């Protein structure tokens, strides 16, 4: 599933799920927290690159959103649980 095929509504769905041990790689250090809601995992990156729904919408779904050029064209998968 490419990042372009994930809707804005799906990025905010499932807010009750906590992904224990997985931190959003783009949240500022002051709010660095375990991902709650949907987790977006880059399938092309090693080590793992994970985003929360808010950062996915802001940095991947938004054209010119400022995600590192290293992730442009990468495939993200939405993990709900």
Protein backbone atom coordinates (compact mmCIF):
# COMPACT_ATOMS: atom_id res chain seq x y z
CA UNK A 1 0.00 0.00 0.00
CA UNK A 2 1.54 3.31 -0.97
CA UNK A 3 1.33 6.42 1.16
CA UNK A 4 -0.86 8.06 -1.47
CA UNK A 5 -3.58 5.45 -1.05
CA UNK A 6 -4.19 6.07 2.66
CA UNK A 7 -6.99 8.51 3.39
CA UNK A 8 -6.95 11.24 6.01
CA UNK A 9 -9.86 9.57 7.80
CA UNK A 10 -7.99 6.28 8.14
CA UNK A 11 -4.94 8.04 9.62
CA UNK A 12 -6.95 9.14 12.64
CA UNK A 13 -9.03 5.98 13.10
CA UNK A 14 -8.38 3.56 15.95
CA UNK A 15 -7.21 6.09 18.55
CA UNK A 16 -7.67 3.59 21.41
CA UNK A 17 -4.78 1.32 20.33
CA UNK A 18 -1.40 1.83 22.03
CA UNK A 19 1.63 0.39 20.23
CA UNK A 20 3.78 -0.43 23.26
CA UNK A 21 7.47 0.10 22.64
CA UNK A 22 7.03 2.00 19.35
CA UNK A 23 7.81 5.73 19.30
CA UNK A 24 7.01 8.14 16.50
CA UNK A 25 10.27 9.01 14.76
CA UNK A 26 9.10 12.54 13.84
CA UNK A 27 7.33 13.78 16.98
CA UNK A 28 9.36 16.48 18.74
CA UNK A 29 11.43 15.23 21.68
CA UNK A 30 9.16 17.09 24.10
CA UNK A 31 6.17 14.95 23.07
CA UNK A 32 8.02 11.76 22.08
CA UNK A 33 5.59 9.06 23.16
CA UNK A 34 4.43 5.55 22.37
CA UNK A 35 2.26 5.61 19.28
CA UNK A 36 -1.45 5.73 20.07
CA UNK A 37 -3.91 5.01 17.29
CA UNK A 38 -2.69 3.86 13.91
CA UNK A 39 1.03 3.25 13.45
CA UNK A 40 2.60 3.83 10.05
CA UNK A 41 5.68 1.71 9.34
CA UNK A 42 8.03 2.37 6.43
CA UNK A 43 8.58 -0.94 4.64
CA UNK A 44 11.76 0.28 2.95
CA UNK A 45 13.77 1.38 6.00
CA UNK A 46 16.09 -0.55 8.29
CA UNK A 47 16.15 0.07 11.16
CA UNK A 48 12.45 0.57 11.58
CA UNK A 49 10.94 4.00 10.82
CA UNK A 50 7.54 4.48 12.47
CA UNK A 51 5.10 7.40 12.49
CA UNK A 52 1.98 8.26 14.46
CA UNK A 53 -1.15 9.19 12.48
CA UNK A 54 -0.65 12.92 13.00
CA UNK A 55 2.92 12.94 11.72
CA UNK A 56 1.97 10.68 8.81
CA UNK A 57 -0.72 13.16 7.74
CA UNK A 58 1.52 16.18 8.24
CA UNK A 59 4.74 14.89 6.71
CA UNK A 60 3.78 12.16 4.24
CA UNK A 61 0.24 12.82 3.03
CA UNK A 62 0.73 16.58 2.62
CA UNK A 63 2.62 17.54 -0.57
CA UNK A 64 5.79 19.35 0.46
CA UNK A 65 5.20 18.26 4.06
CA UNK A 66 8.88 18.18 4.85
CA UNK A 67 9.59 14.48 5.28
CA UNK A 68 13.20 13.64 4.61
CA UNK A 69 14.04 13.00 0.99
CA UNK A 70 15.20 9.57 2.16
CA UNK A 71 11.55 8.50 2.50
CA UNK A 72 10.09 9.99 -0.68
CA UNK A 73 8.54 7.18 -2.70
CA UNK A 74 8.75 4.73 0.20
CA UNK A 75 5.82 2.50 1.04
CA UNK A 76 4.14 2.89 4.43
CA UNK A 77 1.79 0.32 5.91
CA UNK A 78 -0.88 1.20 8.45
CA UNK A 79 -0.80 -1.05 11.51
CA UNK A 80 -3.87 -0.92 13.68
CA UNK A 81 -2.87 -3.49 16.32
